[in-house]
Amino acid sequence: MSYFVYILRCSDNTLYTGITTDLERRLGEHNGSPKGAKYTRNRRPVKIVYSEPCKDKSAASKREYAIKQLTKREKEAMLK
């Protein structure tokens, strides 16, 4: 099973970072399901602006943590 780290851009221009095994399913959950993150529920619609594959859940979690430590400016630079 492959994992992905992803960044969403919310309707208020904030960024949300997460991990998943299925990007399309997870995007659907964020945009229209109670399974979406509490953070994104009031900031819909969201769109995926970045994703990267990881070899396993542990690697994905570590990469997610590293991205979450970045400032918004640093994340925006990463997206370019």
C-alpha atoms as a PDB file:
ATOM      1  CA  MET A   1       0.000   0.000   0.000  1.00  0.00           C
ATOM      2  CA  SER A   2       1.400   3.368  -0.943  1.00  0.00           C
ATOM      3  CA  TYR A   3       0.945   6.497   1.112  1.00  0.00           C
ATOM      4  CA  PHE A   4       0.846  10.124   0.061  1.00  0.00           C
ATOM      5  CA  VAL A   5       1.473  13.365   1.902  1.00  0.00           C
ATOM      6  CA  TYR A   6      -0.779  16.100   0.557  1.00  0.00           C
ATOM      7  CA  ILE A   7      -1.472  19.790   1.005  1.00  0.00           C
ATOM      8  CA  LEU A   8      -4.922  21.276   0.500  1.00  0.00           C
ATOM      9  CA  ARG A   9      -5.710  24.906  -0.200  1.00  0.00           C
ATOM     10  CA  CYS A  10      -8.887  25.846   1.635  1.00  0.00           C
ATOM     11  CA  SER A  11     -11.446  28.412   0.490  1.00  0.00           C
ATOM     12  CA  ASP A  12      -9.988  30.969   2.948  1.00  0.00           C
ATOM     13  CA  ASN A  13      -6.511  30.454   1.357  1.00  0.00           C
ATOM     14  CA  THR A  14      -5.141  28.545   4.363  1.00  0.00           C
ATOM     15  CA  LEU A  15      -3.196  25.310   3.862  1.00  0.00           C
ATOM     16  CA  TYR A  16      -3.939  21.907   5.391  1.00  0.00           C
ATOM     17  CA  THR A  17      -1.463  19.014   5.371  1.00  0.00           C
ATOM     18  CA  GLY A  18      -2.369  15.343   5.739  1.00  0.00           C
ATOM     19  CA  ILE A  19      -1.585  11.778   4.682  1.00  0.00           C
ATOM     20  CA  THR A  20      -3.692   9.210   2.839  1.00  0.00           C
ATOM     21  CA  THR A  21      -3.550   6.080   0.718  1.00  0.00           C
ATOM     22  CA  ASP A  22      -6.136   7.428  -1.777  1.00  0.00           C
ATOM     23  CA  LEU A  23      -5.949  11.103  -2.774  1.00  0.00           C
ATOM     24  CA  GLU A  24      -9.269  11.255  -4.657  1.00  0.00           C
ATOM     25  CA  ARG A  25     -11.224   9.542  -1.872  1.00  0.00           C
ATOM     26  CA  ARG A  26      -9.659  11.772   0.768  1.00  0.00           C
ATOM     27  CA  LEU A  27     -10.383  14.933  -1.224  1.00  0.00           C
ATOM     28  CA  GLY A  28     -14.019  13.840  -1.467  1.00  0.00           C
ATOM     29  CA  GLU A  29     -14.124  13.294   2.282  1.00  0.00           C
ATOM     30  CA  HIS A  30     -12.687  16.740   2.944  1.00  0.00           C
ATOM     31  CA  ASN A  31     -15.201  18.365   0.602  1.00  0.00           C
ATOM     32  CA  GLY A  32     -18.398  16.563   1.439  1.00  0.00           C
ATOM     33  CA  SER A  33     -18.238  13.989   4.182  1.00  0.00           C
ATOM     34  CA  PRO A  34     -18.239  13.937   7.987  1.00  0.00           C
ATOM     35  CA  LYS A  35     -14.930  12.035   7.636  1.00  0.00           C
ATOM     36  CA  GLY A  36     -13.241  15.243   6.463  1.00  0.00           C
ATOM     37  CA  ALA A  37     -10.969  16.971   8.959  1.00  0.00           C
ATOM     38  CA  LYS A  38     -12.659  19.318  11.408  1.00  0.00           C
ATOM     39  CA  TYR A  39     -10.309  22.077  10.191  1.00  0.00           C
ATOM     40  CA  THR A  40     -11.493  21.820   6.582  1.00  0.00           C
ATOM     41  CA  ARG A  41     -15.229  21.443   7.276  1.00  0.00           C
ATOM     42  CA  ASN A  42     -15.827  25.190   7.562  1.00  0.00           C
ATOM     43  CA  ARG A  43     -13.314  26.030   4.823  1.00  0.00           C
ATOM     44  CA  ARG A  44     -14.835  24.177   1.882  1.00  0.00           C
ATOM     45  CA  PRO A  45     -14.296  23.762  -0.954  1.00  0.00           C
ATOM     46  CA  VAL A  46     -10.700  22.569  -0.712  1.00  0.00           C
ATOM     47  CA  LYS A  47      -8.398  21.483  -3.516  1.00  0.00           C
ATOM     48  CA  ILE A  48      -5.201  19.452  -3.591  1.00  0.00           C
ATOM     49  CA  VAL A  49      -2.271  21.719  -4.458  1.00  0.00           C
ATOM     50  CA  TYR A  50       0.582  19.318  -3.610  1.00  0.00           C
ATOM     51  CA  SER A  51       1.146  15.613  -3.119  1.00  0.00           C
ATOM     52  CA  GLU A  52       4.155  13.361  -2.857  1.00  0.00           C
ATOM     53  CA  PRO A  53       4.373   9.578  -2.585  1.00  0.00           C
ATOM     54  CA  CYS A  54       5.992   7.950   0.441  1.00  0.00           C
ATOM     55  CA  LYS A  55       7.202   4.370   0.810  1.00  0.00           C
ATOM     56  CA  ASP A  56       5.163   3.607   3.938  1.00  0.00           C
ATOM     57  CA  LYS A  57       2.998   5.111   6.668  1.00  0.00           C
ATOM     58  CA  SER A  58       5.971   5.892   8.884  1.00  0.00           C
ATOM     59  CA  ALA A  59       7.744   7.851   6.131  1.00  0.00           C
ATOM     60  CA  ALA A  60       4.504   9.674   5.300  1.00  0.00           C
ATOM     61  CA  SER A  61       3.946  10.629   8.946  1.00  0.00           C
ATOM     62  CA  LYS A  62       7.497  11.931   9.288  1.00  0.00           C
ATOM     63  CA  ARG A  63       7.194  13.980   6.092  1.00  0.00           C
ATOM     64  CA  GLU A  64       3.793  15.337   7.197  1.00  0.00           C
ATOM     65  CA  TYR A  65       5.328  16.420  10.509  1.00  0.00           C
ATOM     66  CA  ALA A  66       8.241  18.119   8.714  1.00  0.00           C
ATOM     67  CA  ILE A  67       5.870  20.030   6.420  1.00  0.00           C
ATOM     68  CA  LYS A  68       3.692  21.093   9.352  1.00  0.00           C
ATOM     69  CA  GLN A  69       6.765  22.646  10.985  1.00  0.00           C
ATOM     70  CA  LEU A  70       7.225  25.002   8.025  1.00  0.00           C
ATOM     71  CA  THR A  71       5.833  28.525   8.015  1.00  0.00           C
ATOM     72  CA  LYS A  72       3.082  29.367   5.538  1.00  0.00           C
ATOM     73  CA  ARG A  73       5.639  31.322   3.497  1.00  0.00           C
ATOM     74  CA  GLU A  74       7.918  28.265   3.334  1.00  0.00           C
ATOM     75  CA  LYS A  75       4.987  26.034   2.323  1.00  0.00           C
ATOM     76  CA  GLU A  76       3.947  28.490  -0.407  1.00  0.00           C
ATOM     77  CA  ALA A  77       7.538  28.460  -1.732  1.00  0.00           C
ATOM     78  CA  MET A  78       7.442  24.654  -1.778  1.00  0.00           C
ATOM     79  CA  LEU A  79       4.267  24.765  -3.896  1.00  0.00           C
ATOM     80  CA  LYS A  80       5.921  26.805  -6.668  1.00  0.00           C
END
